[in-house]
Amino acid sequence: MIENRKRKIQINFRVDEKEYECIKKNVRLSRKNSMANYLRLIAITGRIINIELEDIKILSANIGRISSSINQIVKQANSKGNVYDEDIAELKRMDTEIWQELKSIRLALRSISQSITS
């Protein structure tokens, strides 16, 4: 009977109860007619996505710097009653940089999303 099978290689692996319940749920949601068909489809067409978080780390650091700068400007305005044009220009530059980084991250995430759905 094995000689008549289209697929002759068998793959086995073990899971715990929680993993098994999760797999069964995903099989039901996928509307595949068997767990074997679901697992085969996922193994062959599934994608593993590794996300580089370096852009987000840079963005977080820049947000921290702009927050610090805002605090310094507010302290200066409260104590001296004035704000320097250079300080405002620096905040604007940092704000522009943050928005550019956010746009870059958004484009990268959109690209990942499109590659998953296609």
Protein backbone atom coordinates (compact mmCIF):
# COMPACT_ATOMS: atom_id res chain seq x y z
CA MET A 1 0.00 0.00 0.00
CA ILE A 2 2.87 2.41 0.76
CA GLU A 3 4.13 1.99 -2.80
CA ASN A 4 0.89 3.56 -4.07
CA ARG A 5 1.19 6.66 -1.89
CA LYS A 6 2.08 9.95 -3.48
CA ARG A 7 3.88 11.09 -0.32
CA LYS A 8 6.25 8.46 1.02
CA ILE A 9 8.20 10.43 3.63
CA GLN A 10 6.69 10.74 7.09
CA ILE A 11 7.61 13.50 9.55
CA ASN A 12 6.85 13.17 13.27
CA PHE A 13 7.24 15.68 16.06
CA ARG A 14 6.02 16.06 19.62
CA VAL A 15 4.02 18.86 21.20
CA ASP A 16 2.69 19.51 24.67
CA GLU A 17 -1.03 19.76 25.51
CA LYS A 18 -1.17 23.53 25.12
CA GLU A 19 0.56 23.43 21.73
CA TYR A 20 -1.73 20.60 20.60
CA GLU A 21 -4.85 22.55 21.54
CA CYS A 22 -3.52 25.59 19.68
CA ILE A 23 -2.81 23.49 16.57
CA LYS A 24 -6.28 21.93 16.69
CA LYS A 25 -7.85 25.39 16.97
CA ASN A 26 -5.84 26.63 13.99
CA VAL A 27 -6.82 23.56 11.96
CA ARG A 28 -10.51 24.32 12.63
CA LEU A 29 -10.04 27.99 11.74
CA SER A 30 -8.20 27.10 8.54
CA ARG A 31 -11.10 24.89 7.36
CA LYS A 32 -8.64 22.26 6.18
CA ASN A 33 -10.09 18.77 6.18
CA SER A 34 -7.27 17.28 8.25
CA MET A 35 -4.48 18.24 10.59
CA ALA A 36 -1.97 16.70 8.16
CA ASN A 37 -3.17 18.96 5.35
CA TYR A 38 -3.03 22.02 7.60
CA LEU A 39 0.47 21.25 8.93
CA ARG A 40 1.76 20.44 5.44
CA LEU A 41 0.40 23.74 4.11
CA ILE A 42 1.91 25.74 6.98
CA ALA A 43 5.27 23.96 6.70
CA ILE A 44 5.51 24.58 2.97
CA THR A 45 3.94 28.02 2.54
CA GLY A 46 4.28 29.49 6.01
CA ARG A 47 6.68 32.34 6.54
CA ILE A 48 8.92 33.13 9.47
CA ILE A 49 9.32 36.84 9.99
CA ASN A 50 12.31 38.29 11.79
CA ILE A 51 11.80 41.94 12.62
CA GLU A 52 14.82 44.15 13.15
CA LEU A 53 14.12 46.40 16.08
CA GLU A 54 17.08 48.73 15.51
CA ASP A 55 14.87 51.40 13.89
CA ILE A 56 12.53 51.31 16.86
CA LYS A 57 15.47 51.60 19.29
CA ILE A 58 16.72 54.67 17.40
CA LEU A 59 13.24 56.15 17.39
CA SER A 60 12.87 55.56 21.14
CA ALA A 61 16.22 57.24 21.80
CA ASN A 62 15.22 60.24 19.69
CA ILE A 63 11.89 60.55 21.46
CA GLY A 64 13.79 60.52 24.77
CA ARG A 65 16.09 63.29 23.52
CA ILE A 66 13.24 65.45 22.30
CA SER A 67 11.41 64.98 25.61
CA SER A 68 14.53 66.05 27.47
CA SER A 69 14.93 69.07 25.22
CA ILE A 70 11.31 70.07 25.75
CA ASN A 71 11.79 69.84 29.51
CA GLN A 72 14.90 72.03 29.34
CA ILE A 73 13.12 74.64 27.21
CA VAL A 74 10.12 74.69 29.56
CA LYS A 75 12.43 75.14 32.58
CA GLN A 76 14.22 77.96 30.79
CA ALA A 77 10.96 79.63 29.80
CA ASN A 78 9.66 79.38 33.36
CA SER A 79 12.83 80.69 35.00
CA LYS A 80 13.93 83.35 32.47
CA GLY A 81 10.74 84.06 30.62
CA ASN A 82 12.28 83.52 27.17
CA VAL A 83 13.07 80.74 24.71
CA TYR A 84 15.94 80.74 22.22
CA ASP A 85 15.27 80.35 18.49
CA GLU A 86 18.09 77.75 18.31
CA ASP A 87 16.27 75.57 20.84
CA ILE A 88 13.06 75.69 18.82
CA ALA A 89 14.97 74.95 15.61
CA GLU A 90 16.63 71.92 17.26
CA LEU A 91 13.23 70.61 18.40
CA LYS A 92 11.85 71.03 14.88
CA ARG A 93 14.84 69.17 13.42
CA MET A 94 14.40 66.32 15.90
CA ASP A 95 10.66 66.21 15.23
CA THR A 96 11.27 65.92 11.48
CA GLU A 97 13.80 63.13 12.05
CA ILE A 98 11.34 61.20 14.21
CA TRP A 99 8.59 61.49 11.60
CA GLN A 100 10.99 60.27 8.90
CA GLU A 101 11.91 57.25 11.03
CA LEU A 102 8.24 56.51 11.71
CA LYS A 103 7.52 56.68 7.97
CA SER A 104 10.39 54.27 7.30
CA ILE A 105 9.12 51.81 9.90
CA ARG A 106 5.55 52.09 8.58
CA LEU A 107 6.74 51.37 5.02
CA ALA A 108 8.76 48.36 6.19
CA LEU A 109 5.77 46.97 8.09
CA ARG A 110 3.51 47.54 5.08
CA SER A 111 6.00 45.64 2.91
CA ILE A 112 6.04 42.74 5.37
CA SER A 113 2.23 42.73 5.49
CA GLN A 114 1.98 42.65 1.70
CA SER A 115 4.50 39.81 1.42
CA ILE A 116 2.47 37.75 3.90
CA THR A 117 -0.81 38.22 2.09
CA SER A 118 0.56 37.63 -1.41
